Amino acid sequence: MYMVIELKKFGTTLTSREEGREALAAFKPSLSDITDSESVEVVFTGVNTFSPSWGDEFFAPLIKQFGTRLILVDTKNLSVEATLNMLEKIHNIKFTRRNEAE
């Protein structure tokens, strides 16, 4: 069982730190219902631009809370890949990723 977060609901250009905080705040109430056996899938389909500032605000708390149960889907966009790689280096983490076809 898992929860799906489609980032395109927040727009196709995800760039500011403030918007990243707001996006996380919008999902926080539903995240508290997730059990230890459930995962969270974040889908990047439709996202054109994804900055480290937005990503840091949204993903740093999620990776701390869910670890390997946080799964990133459809991350092939160059902006998304570059930002995720940067966040992995900054936070010394490794995101779990999968293609949408899997």
PDB file of N, CA and C in Angstrom:
ATOM      1  N   MET A   1       0.842  -1.174   0.000  1.00  0.00           N
ATOM      2  CA  MET A   1       0.000   0.000   0.000  1.00  0.00           C
ATOM      3  C   MET A   1       0.893   1.246   0.000  1.00  0.00           C
ATOM      4  N   TYR A   2       0.431   2.305  -0.654  1.00  0.00           N
ATOM      5  CA  TYR A   2       1.240   3.514  -0.722  1.00  0.00           C
ATOM      6  C   TYR A   2       0.371   4.731  -1.026  1.00  0.00           C
ATOM      7  N   MET A   3       0.933   5.882  -0.726  1.00  0.00           N
ATOM      8  CA  MET A   3       0.306   7.161  -1.045  1.00  0.00           C
ATOM      9  C   MET A   3       1.030   7.739  -2.246  1.00  0.00           C
ATOM     10  N   VAL A   4       0.285   8.388  -3.144  1.00  0.00           N
ATOM     11  CA  VAL A   4       0.877   9.001  -4.328  1.00  0.00           C
ATOM     12  C   VAL A   4       0.744  10.517  -4.233  1.00  0.00           C
ATOM     13  N   ILE A   5       1.854  11.203  -4.456  1.00  0.00           N
ATOM     14  CA  ILE A   5       1.873  12.663  -4.526  1.00  0.00           C
ATOM     15  C   ILE A   5       2.287  13.036  -5.946  1.00  0.00           C
ATOM     16  N   GLU A   6       1.414  13.674  -6.674  1.00  0.00           N
ATOM     17  CA  GLU A   6       1.742  14.126  -8.028  1.00  0.00           C
ATOM     18  C   GLU A   6       2.181  15.585  -7.956  1.00  0.00           C
ATOM     19  N   LEU A   7       3.461  15.818  -8.212  1.00  0.00           N
ATOM     20  CA  LEU A   7       4.014  17.164  -8.067  1.00  0.00           C
ATOM     21  C   LEU A   7       3.426  18.166  -9.034  1.00  0.00           C
ATOM     22  N   LYS A   8       2.904  17.710 -10.183  1.00  0.00           N
ATOM     23  CA  LYS A   8       2.342  18.653 -11.158  1.00  0.00           C
ATOM     24  C   LYS A   8       1.146  19.413 -10.587  1.00  0.00           C
ATOM     25  N   LYS A   9       0.570  18.917  -9.496  1.00  0.00           N
ATOM     26  CA  LYS A   9      -0.514  19.647  -8.834  1.00  0.00           C
ATOM     27  C   LYS A   9      -0.032  21.001  -8.309  1.00  0.00           C
ATOM     28  N   PHE A  10       1.277  21.110  -8.090  1.00  0.00           N
ATOM     29  CA  PHE A  10       1.862  22.355  -7.600  1.00  0.00           C
ATOM     30  C   PHE A  10       2.380  23.229  -8.739  1.00  0.00           C
ATOM     31  N   GLY A  11       2.262  22.741  -9.967  1.00  0.00           N
ATOM     32  CA  GLY A  11       2.707  23.487 -11.136  1.00  0.00           C
ATOM     33  C   GLY A  11       3.785  22.733 -11.887  1.00  0.00           C
ATOM     34  N   THR A  12       4.150  23.262 -13.037  1.00  0.00           N
ATOM     35  CA  THR A  12       5.184  22.625 -13.845  1.00  0.00           C
ATOM     36  C   THR A  12       6.566  23.216 -13.585  1.00  0.00           C
ATOM     37  N   THR A  13       6.587  24.374 -12.917  1.00  0.00           N
ATOM     38  CA  THR A  13       7.843  25.035 -12.576  1.00  0.00           C
ATOM     39  C   THR A  13       7.913  25.155 -11.060  1.00  0.00           C
ATOM     40  N   LEU A  14       8.739  24.314 -10.453  1.00  0.00           N
ATOM     41  CA  LEU A  14       8.862  24.259  -8.998  1.00  0.00           C
ATOM     42  C   LEU A  14      10.216  24.831  -8.621  1.00  0.00           C
ATOM     43  N   THR A  15      10.221  26.098  -8.190  1.00  0.00           N
ATOM     44  CA  THR A  15      11.518  26.747  -8.026  1.00  0.00           C
ATOM     45  C   THR A  15      11.781  27.392  -6.664  1.00  0.00           C
ATOM     46  N   SER A  16      10.794  27.943  -6.007  1.00  0.00           N
ATOM     47  CA  SER A  16      11.132  28.716  -4.805  1.00  0.00           C
ATOM     48  C   SER A  16      11.067  27.889  -3.530  1.00  0.00           C
ATOM     49  N   ARG A  17      11.893  28.261  -2.593  1.00  0.00           N
ATOM     50  CA  ARG A  17      11.942  27.609  -1.295  1.00  0.00           C
ATOM     51  C   ARG A  17      10.584  27.732  -0.586  1.00  0.00           C
ATOM     52  N   GLU A  18       9.981  28.908  -0.668  1.00  0.00           N
ATOM     53  CA  GLU A  18       8.686  29.139  -0.026  1.00  0.00           C
ATOM     54  C   GLU A  18       7.610  28.211  -0.604  1.00  0.00           C
ATOM     55  N   GLU A  19       7.586  28.057  -1.915  1.00  0.00           N
ATOM     56  CA  GLU A  19       6.600  27.178  -2.544  1.00  0.00           C
ATOM     57  C   GLU A  19       6.819  25.719  -2.149  1.00  0.00           C
ATOM     58  N   GLY A  20       8.063  25.321  -1.976  1.00  0.00           N
ATOM     59  CA  GLY A  20       8.365  23.964  -1.518  1.00  0.00           C
ATOM     60  C   GLY A  20       7.847  23.717  -0.114  1.00  0.00           C
ATOM     61  N   ARG A  21       8.028  24.699   0.758  1.00  0.00           N
ATOM     62  CA  ARG A  21       7.496  24.604   2.136  1.00  0.00           C
ATOM     63  C   ARG A  21       5.981  24.519   2.118  1.00  0.00           C
ATOM     64  N   GLU A  22       5.348  25.343   1.279  1.00  0.00           N
ATOM     65  CA  GLU A  22       3.882  25.343   1.186  1.00  0.00           C
ATOM     66  C   GLU A  22       3.363  24.003   0.661  1.00  0.00           C
ATOM     67  N   ALA A  23       4.051  23.421  -0.310  1.00  0.00           N
ATOM     68  CA  ALA A  23       3.638  22.140  -0.862  1.00  0.00           C
ATOM     69  C   ALA A  23       3.718  21.052   0.206  1.00  0.00           C
ATOM     70  N   LEU A  24       4.789  21.041   0.963  1.00  0.00           N
ATOM     71  CA  LEU A  24       4.917  20.051   2.030  1.00  0.00           C
ATOM     72  C   LEU A  24       3.836  20.254   3.090  1.00  0.00           C
ATOM     73  N   ALA A  25       3.581  21.491   3.447  1.00  0.00           N
ATOM     74  CA  ALA A  25       2.547  21.789   4.445  1.00  0.00           C
ATOM     75  C   ALA A  25       1.176  21.304   3.979  1.00  0.00           C
ATOM     76  N   ALA A  26       0.922  21.362   2.689  1.00  0.00           N
ATOM     77  CA  ALA A  26      -0.365  20.912   2.155  1.00  0.00           C
ATOM     78  C   ALA A  26      -0.539  19.399   2.321  1.00  0.00           C
ATOM     79  N   PHE A  27       0.554  18.651   2.302  1.00  0.00           N
ATOM     80  CA  PHE A  27       0.469  17.201   2.417  1.00  0.00           C
ATOM     81  C   PHE A  27       0.689  16.668   3.826  1.00  0.00           C
ATOM     82  N   LYS A  28       1.229  17.484   4.725  1.00  0.00           N
ATOM     83  CA  LYS A  28       1.551  16.995   6.064  1.00  0.00           C
ATOM     84  C   LYS A  28       0.395  16.295   6.775  1.00  0.00           C
ATOM     85  N   PRO A  29      -0.821  16.821   6.745  1.00  0.00           N
ATOM     86  CA  PRO A  29      -1.906  16.120   7.449  1.00  0.00           C
ATOM     87  C   PRO A  29      -2.124  14.691   6.961  1.00  0.00           C
ATOM     88  N   SER A  30      -2.055  14.460   5.661  1.00  0.00           N
ATOM     89  CA  SER A  30      -2.279  13.111   5.150  1.00  0.00           C
ATOM     90  C   SER A  30      -1.067  12.203   5.362  1.00  0.00           C
ATOM     91  N   LEU A  31       0.106  12.770   5.519  1.00  0.00           N
ATOM     92  CA  LEU A  31       1.307  11.961   5.745  1.00  0.00           C
ATOM     93  C   LEU A  31       1.297  11.320   7.124  1.00  0.00           C
ATOM     94  N   SER A  32       0.615  11.925   8.072  1.00  0.00           N
ATOM     95  CA  SER A  32       0.591  11.368   9.427  1.00  0.00           C
ATOM     96  C   SER A  32      -0.209  10.075   9.503  1.00  0.00           C
ATOM     97  N   ASP A  33      -1.025   9.793   8.485  1.00  0.00           N
ATOM     98  CA  ASP A  33      -1.830   8.567   8.459  1.00  0.00           C
ATOM     99  C   ASP A  33      -1.085   7.369   7.873  1.00  0.00           C
ATOM    100  N   ILE A  34       0.110   7.589   7.379  1.00  0.00           N
ATOM    101  CA  ILE A  34       0.861   6.516   6.727  1.00  0.00           C
ATOM    102  C   ILE A  34       1.519   5.631   7.779  1.00  0.00           C
ATOM    103  N   THR A  35       1.288   4.328   7.647  1.00  0.00           N
ATOM    104  CA  THR A  35       1.851   3.372   8.597  1.00  0.00           C
ATOM    105  C   THR A  35       3.295   3.040   8.234  1.00  0.00           C
ATOM    106  N   ASP A  36       3.959   2.325   9.127  1.00  0.00           N
ATOM    107  CA  ASP A  36       5.360   1.943   8.903  1.00  0.00           C
ATOM    108  C   ASP A  36       5.534   0.954   7.763  1.00  0.00           C
ATOM    109  N   SER A  37       4.457   0.335   7.319  1.00  0.00           N
ATOM    110  CA  SER A  37       4.555  -0.628   6.218  1.00  0.00           C
ATOM    111  C   SER A  37       4.183  -0.008   4.870  1.00  0.00           C
ATOM    112  N   GLU A  38       3.787   1.249   4.867  1.00  0.00           N
ATOM    113  CA  GLU A  38       3.384   1.925   3.635  1.00  0.00           C
ATOM    114  C   GLU A  38       4.511   2.812   3.101  1.00  0.00           C
ATOM    115  N   SER A  39       4.472   3.047   1.799  1.00  0.00           N
ATOM    116  CA  SER A  39       5.448   3.935   1.181  1.00  0.00           C
ATOM    117  C   SER A  39       4.752   5.164   0.598  1.00  0.00           C
ATOM    118  N   VAL A  40       5.567   6.132   0.222  1.00  0.00           N
ATOM    119  CA  VAL A  40       5.074   7.360  -0.403  1.00  0.00           C
ATOM    120  C   VAL A  40       5.744   7.464  -1.763  1.00  0.00           C
ATOM    121  N   GLU A  41       4.930   7.548  -2.823  1.00  0.00           N
ATOM    122  CA  GLU A  41       5.459   7.710  -4.173  1.00  0.00           C
ATOM    123  C   GLU A  41       5.233   9.142  -4.618  1.00  0.00           C
ATOM    124  N   VAL A  42       6.300   9.786  -5.044  1.00  0.00           N
ATOM    125  CA  VAL A  42       6.227  11.144  -5.556  1.00  0.00           C
ATOM    126  C   VAL A  42       6.457  11.069  -7.062  1.00  0.00           C
ATOM    127  N   VAL A  43       5.467  11.514  -7.827  1.00  0.00           N
ATOM    128  CA  VAL A  43       5.495  11.401  -9.284  1.00  0.00           C
ATOM    129  C   VAL A  43       5.876  12.746  -9.903  1.00  0.00           C
ATOM    130  N   PHE A  44       6.895  12.731 -10.749  1.00  0.00           N
ATOM    131  CA  PHE A  44       7.401  13.944 -11.394  1.00  0.00           C
ATOM    132  C   PHE A  44       6.822  14.178 -12.785  1.00  0.00           C
ATOM    133  N   THR A  45       5.954  13.316 -13.265  1.00  0.00           N
ATOM    134  CA  THR A  45       5.368  13.475 -14.592  1.00  0.00           C
ATOM    135  C   THR A  45       4.746  14.863 -14.725  1.00  0.00           C
ATOM    136  N   GLY A  46       5.114  15.578 -15.783  1.00  0.00           N
ATOM    137  CA  GLY A  46       4.561  16.909 -16.023  1.00  0.00           C
ATOM    138  C   GLY A  46       5.363  18.052 -15.430  1.00  0.00           C
ATOM    139  N   VAL A  47       6.377  17.746 -14.631  1.00  0.00           N
ATOM    140  CA  VAL A  47       7.221  18.803 -14.047  1.00  0.00           C
ATOM    141  C   VAL A  47       8.318  19.150 -15.049  1.00  0.00           C
ATOM    142  N   ASN A  48       8.400  20.430 -15.423  1.00  0.00           N
ATOM    143  CA  ASN A  48       9.406  20.884 -16.386  1.00  0.00           C
ATOM    144  C   ASN A  48      10.669  21.407 -15.721  1.00  0.00           C
ATOM    145  N   THR A  49      10.493  22.198 -14.671  1.00  0.00           N
ATOM    146  CA  THR A  49      11.622  22.814 -13.985  1.00  0.00           C
ATOM    147  C   THR A  49      11.514  22.518 -12.501  1.00  0.00           C
ATOM    148  N   PHE A  50      12.627  22.068 -11.918  1.00  0.00           N
ATOM    149  CA  PHE A  50      12.648  21.636 -10.520  1.00  0.00           C
ATOM    150  C   PHE A  50      13.952  22.114  -9.909  1.00  0.00           C
ATOM    151  N   SER A  51      13.865  23.058  -8.966  1.00  0.00           N
ATOM    152  CA  SER A  51      15.082  23.648  -8.408  1.00  0.00           C
ATOM    153  C   SER A  51      15.490  22.993  -7.089  1.00  0.00           C
ATOM    154  N   PRO A  52      16.784  23.107  -6.752  1.00  0.00           N
ATOM    155  CA  PRO A  52      17.254  22.585  -5.475  1.00  0.00           C
ATOM    156  C   PRO A  52      16.554  23.235  -4.276  1.00  0.00           C
ATOM    157  N   SER A  53      16.211  24.508  -4.366  1.00  0.00           N
ATOM    158  CA  SER A  53      15.548  25.180  -3.244  1.00  0.00           C
ATOM    159  C   SER A  53      14.194  24.551  -2.950  1.00  0.00           C
ATOM    160  N   TRP A  54      13.371  24.389  -3.983  1.00  0.00           N
ATOM    161  CA  TRP A  54      12.051  23.769  -3.815  1.00  0.00           C
ATOM    162  C   TRP A  54      12.230  22.334  -3.325  1.00  0.00           C
ATOM    163  N   GLY A  55      13.104  21.611  -3.974  1.00  0.00           N
ATOM    164  CA  GLY A  55      13.323  20.207  -3.628  1.00  0.00           C
ATOM    165  C   GLY A  55      13.821  20.009  -2.216  1.00  0.00           C
ATOM    166  N   ASP A  56      14.704  20.887  -1.758  1.00  0.00           N
ATOM    167  CA  ASP A  56      15.240  20.776  -0.402  1.00  0.00           C
ATOM    168  C   ASP A  56      14.131  20.943   0.630  1.00  0.00           C
ATOM    169  N   GLU A  57      13.294  21.924   0.429  1.00  0.00           N
ATOM    170  CA  GLU A  57      12.193  22.172   1.382  1.00  0.00           C
ATOM    171  C   GLU A  57      11.188  21.034   1.408  1.00  0.00           C
ATOM    172  N   PHE A  58      10.934  20.443   0.258  1.00  0.00           N
ATOM    173  CA  PHE A  58       9.927  19.389   0.164  1.00  0.00           C
ATOM    174  C   PHE A  58      10.481  18.019   0.548  1.00  0.00           C
ATOM    175  N   PHE A  59      11.672  17.683   0.053  1.00  0.00           N
ATOM    176  CA  PHE A  59      12.175  16.320   0.200  1.00  0.00           C
ATOM    177  C   PHE A  59      13.026  16.061   1.429  1.00  0.00           C
ATOM    178  N   ALA A  60      13.739  17.042   1.944  1.00  0.00           N
ATOM    179  CA  ALA A  60      14.578  16.786   3.123  1.00  0.00           C
ATOM    180  C   ALA A  60      13.743  16.241   4.294  1.00  0.00           C
ATOM    181  N   PRO A  61      12.596  16.847   4.628  1.00  0.00           N
ATOM    182  CA  PRO A  61      11.784  16.275   5.708  1.00  0.00           C
ATOM    183  C   PRO A  61      11.197  14.911   5.354  1.00  0.00           C
ATOM    184  N   LEU A  62      10.831  14.717   4.093  1.00  0.00           N
ATOM    185  CA  LEU A  62      10.230  13.441   3.693  1.00  0.00           C
ATOM    186  C   LEU A  62      11.236  12.290   3.767  1.00  0.00           C
ATOM    187  N   ILE A  63      12.467  12.528   3.343  1.00  0.00           N
ATOM    188  CA  ILE A  63      13.463  11.461   3.384  1.00  0.00           C
ATOM    189  C   ILE A  63      13.796  11.116   4.831  1.00  0.00           C
ATOM    190  N   LYS A  64      13.780  12.108   5.708  1.00  0.00           N
ATOM    191  CA  LYS A  64      14.026  11.834   7.133  1.00  0.00           C
ATOM    192  C   LYS A  64      12.895  10.995   7.719  1.00  0.00           C
ATOM    193  N   GLN A  65      11.676  11.272   7.313  1.00  0.00           N
ATOM    194  CA  GLN A  65      10.518  10.568   7.854  1.00  0.00           C
ATOM    195  C   GLN A  65      10.339   9.178   7.255  1.00  0.00           C
ATOM    196  N   PHE A  66      10.547   9.033   5.943  1.00  0.00           N
ATOM    197  CA  PHE A  66      10.212   7.784   5.274  1.00  0.00           C
ATOM    198  C   PHE A  66      11.406   6.976   4.775  1.00  0.00           C
ATOM    199  N   GLY A  67      12.570   7.567   4.677  1.00  0.00           N
ATOM    200  CA  GLY A  67      13.757   6.837   4.230  1.00  0.00           C
ATOM    201  C   GLY A  67      13.536   6.160   2.896  1.00  0.00           C
ATOM    202  N   THR A  68      13.828   4.866   2.830  1.00  0.00           N
ATOM    203  CA  THR A  68      13.705   4.123   1.569  1.00  0.00           C
ATOM    204  C   THR A  68      12.253   3.887   1.170  1.00  0.00           C
ATOM    205  N   ARG A  69      11.316   4.222   2.035  1.00  0.00           N
ATOM    206  CA  ARG A  69       9.897   4.095   1.684  1.00  0.00           C
ATOM    207  C   ARG A  69       9.421   5.286   0.852  1.00  0.00           C
ATOM    208  N   LEU A  70      10.300   6.277   0.652  1.00  0.00           N
ATOM    209  CA  LEU A  70      10.015   7.400  -0.240  1.00  0.00           C
ATOM    210  C   LEU A  70      10.525   7.010  -1.625  1.00  0.00           C
ATOM    211  N   ILE A  71       9.627   6.897  -2.580  1.00  0.00           N
ATOM    212  CA  ILE A  71       9.970   6.438  -3.926  1.00  0.00           C
ATOM    213  C   ILE A  71       9.656   7.543  -4.929  1.00  0.00           C
ATOM    214  N   LEU A  72      10.640   7.911  -5.723  1.00  0.00           N
ATOM    215  CA  LEU A  72      10.481   8.968  -6.711  1.00  0.00           C
ATOM    216  C   LEU A  72      10.250   8.335  -8.081  1.00  0.00           C
ATOM    217  N   VAL A  73       9.186   8.749  -8.747  1.00  0.00           N
ATOM    218  CA  VAL A  73       8.749   8.133  -9.994  1.00  0.00           C
ATOM    219  C   VAL A  73       8.871   9.126 -11.151  1.00  0.00           C
ATOM    220  N   ASP A  74       9.349   8.643 -12.298  1.00  0.00           N
ATOM    221  CA  ASP A  74       9.474   9.428 -13.525  1.00  0.00           C
ATOM    222  C   ASP A  74      10.386  10.636 -13.329  1.00  0.00           C
ATOM    223  N   THR A  75      11.648  10.360 -13.036  1.00  0.00           N
ATOM    224  CA  THR A  75      12.625  11.414 -12.751  1.00  0.00           C
ATOM    225  C   THR A  75      13.564  11.672 -13.916  1.00  0.00           C
ATOM    226  N   LYS A  76      13.180  11.321 -15.127  1.00  0.00           N
ATOM    227  CA  LYS A  76      14.084  11.399 -16.279  1.00  0.00           C
ATOM    228  C   LYS A  76      14.300  12.808 -16.829  1.00  0.00           C
ATOM    229  N   ASN A  77      13.470  13.778 -16.455  1.00  0.00           N
ATOM    230  CA  ASN A  77      13.660  15.156 -16.885  1.00  0.00           C
ATOM    231  C   ASN A  77      15.035  15.635 -16.396  1.00  0.00           C
ATOM    232  N   LEU A  78      15.786  16.306 -17.252  1.00  0.00           N
ATOM    233  CA  LEU A  78      17.144  16.726 -16.902  1.00  0.00           C
ATOM    234  C   LEU A  78      17.187  17.654 -15.689  1.00  0.00           C
ATOM    235  N   SER A  79      16.221  18.553 -15.576  1.00  0.00           N
ATOM    236  CA  SER A  79      16.158  19.458 -14.429  1.00  0.00           C
ATOM    237  C   SER A  79      15.908  18.667 -13.144  1.00  0.00           C
ATOM    238  N   VAL A  80      15.019  17.712 -13.221  1.00  0.00           N
ATOM    239  CA  VAL A  80      14.700  16.867 -12.059  1.00  0.00           C
ATOM    240  C   VAL A  80      15.919  16.041 -11.666  1.00  0.00           C
ATOM    241  N   GLU A  81      16.551  15.390 -12.633  1.00  0.00           N
ATOM    242  CA  GLU A  81      17.726  14.547 -12.362  1.00  0.00           C
ATOM    243  C   GLU A  81      18.851  15.366 -11.719  1.00  0.00           C
ATOM    244  N   ALA A  82      19.140  16.526 -12.283  1.00  0.00           N
ATOM    245  CA  ALA A  82      20.230  17.356 -11.758  1.00  0.00           C
ATOM    246  C   ALA A  82      19.951  17.787 -10.320  1.00  0.00           C
ATOM    247  N   THR A  83      18.721  18.190 -10.056  1.00  0.00           N
ATOM    248  CA  THR A  83      18.365  18.629  -8.706  1.00  0.00           C
ATOM    249  C   THR A  83      18.426  17.477  -7.715  1.00  0.00           C
ATOM    250  N   LEU A  84      17.884  16.320  -8.091  1.00  0.00           N
ATOM    251  CA  LEU A  84      17.915  15.171  -7.181  1.00  0.00           C
ATOM    252  C   LEU A  84      19.348  14.737  -6.901  1.00  0.00           C
ATOM    253  N   ASN A  85      20.192  14.747  -7.922  1.00  0.00           N
ATOM    254  CA  ASN A  85      21.603  14.391  -7.718  1.00  0.00           C
ATOM    255  C   ASN A  85      22.275  15.367  -6.756  1.00  0.00           C
ATOM    256  N   MET A  86      21.961  16.644  -6.893  1.00  0.00           N
ATOM    257  CA  MET A  86      22.532  17.651  -6.008  1.00  0.00           C
ATOM    258  C   MET A  86      22.057  17.454  -4.567  1.00  0.00           C
ATOM    259  N   LEU A  87      20.759  17.192  -4.398  1.00  0.00           N
ATOM    260  CA  LEU A  87      20.222  16.977  -3.054  1.00  0.00           C
ATOM    261  C   LEU A  87      20.820  15.733  -2.403  1.00  0.00           C
ATOM    262  N   GLU A  88      21.067  14.696  -3.202  1.00  0.00           N
ATOM    263  CA  GLU A  88      21.703  13.495  -2.660  1.00  0.00           C
ATOM    264  C   GLU A  88      23.099  13.809  -2.135  1.00  0.00           C
ATOM    265  N   LYS A  89      23.847  14.622  -2.862  1.00  0.00           N
ATOM    266  CA  LYS A  89      25.191  14.995  -2.420  1.00  0.00           C
ATOM    267  C   LYS A  89      25.145  15.874  -1.179  1.00  0.00           C
ATOM    268  N   ILE A  90      24.281  16.866  -1.184  1.00  0.00           N
ATOM    269  CA  ILE A  90      24.185  17.808  -0.060  1.00  0.00           C
ATOM    270  C   ILE A  90      23.815  17.092   1.234  1.00  0.00           C
ATOM    271  N   HIS A  91      22.835  16.187   1.156  1.00  0.00           N
ATOM    272  CA  HIS A  91      22.311  15.526   2.360  1.00  0.00           C
ATOM    273  C   HIS A  91      22.906  14.141   2.594  1.00  0.00           C
ATOM    274  N   ASN A  92      23.831  13.723   1.716  1.00  0.00           N
ATOM    275  CA  ASN A  92      24.460  12.411   1.825  1.00  0.00           C
ATOM    276  C   ASN A  92      23.410  11.304   1.936  1.00  0.00           C
ATOM    277  N   ILE A  93      22.490  11.313   0.967  1.00  0.00           N
ATOM    278  CA  ILE A  93      21.391  10.348   0.911  1.00  0.00           C
ATOM    279  C   ILE A  93      21.329   9.745  -0.484  1.00  0.00           C
ATOM    280  N   LYS A  94      20.511   8.736  -0.632  1.00  0.00           N
ATOM    281  CA  LYS A  94      20.257   8.149  -1.945  1.00  0.00           C
ATOM    282  C   LYS A  94      18.759   7.940  -2.071  1.00  0.00           C
ATOM    283  N   PHE A  95      18.135   8.648  -3.004  1.00  0.00           N
ATOM    284  CA  PHE A  95      16.701   8.493  -3.239  1.00  0.00           C
ATOM    285  C   PHE A  95      16.429   7.165  -3.949  1.00  0.00           C
ATOM    286  N   THR A  96      15.305   6.548  -3.623  1.00  0.00           N
ATOM    287  CA  THR A  96      14.827   5.386  -4.350  1.00  0.00           C
ATOM    288  C   THR A  96      14.046   5.901  -5.550  1.00  0.00           C
ATOM    289  N   ARG A  97      14.447   5.487  -6.739  1.00  0.00           N
ATOM    290  CA  ARG A  97      13.799   5.977  -7.959  1.00  0.00           C
ATOM    291  C   ARG A  97      13.303   4.801  -8.787  1.00  0.00           C
ATOM    292  N   ARG A  98      12.240   5.049  -9.550  1.00  0.00           N
ATOM    293  CA  ARG A  98      11.770   4.050 -10.509  1.00  0.00           C
ATOM    294  C   ARG A  98      11.101   4.755 -11.676  1.00  0.00           C
ATOM    295  N   ASN A  99      11.135   4.089 -12.817  1.00  0.00           N
ATOM    296  CA  ASN A  99      10.462   4.604 -14.005  1.00  0.00           C
ATOM    297  C   ASN A  99       8.993   4.312 -13.894  1.00  0.00           C
ATOM    298  N   GLU A 100       8.159   5.125 -14.518  1.00  0.00           N
ATOM    299  CA  GLU A 100       6.719   4.938 -14.451  1.00  0.00           C
ATOM    300  C   GLU A 100       6.294   3.602 -15.038  1.00  0.00           C
ATOM    301  N   ALA A 101       7.042   3.064 -15.971  1.00  0.00           N
ATOM    302  CA  ALA A 101       6.676   1.804 -16.631  1.00  0.00           C
ATOM    303  C   ALA A 101       6.847   0.589 -15.720  1.00  0.00           C
ATOM    304  N   GLU A 102       7.573   0.742 -14.633  1.00  0.00           N
ATOM    305  CA  GLU A 102       7.847  -0.399 -13.739  1.00  0.00           C
ATOM    306  C   GLU A 102       6.649  -0.777 -12.904  1.00  0.00           C
TER     307      GLU A 102
END
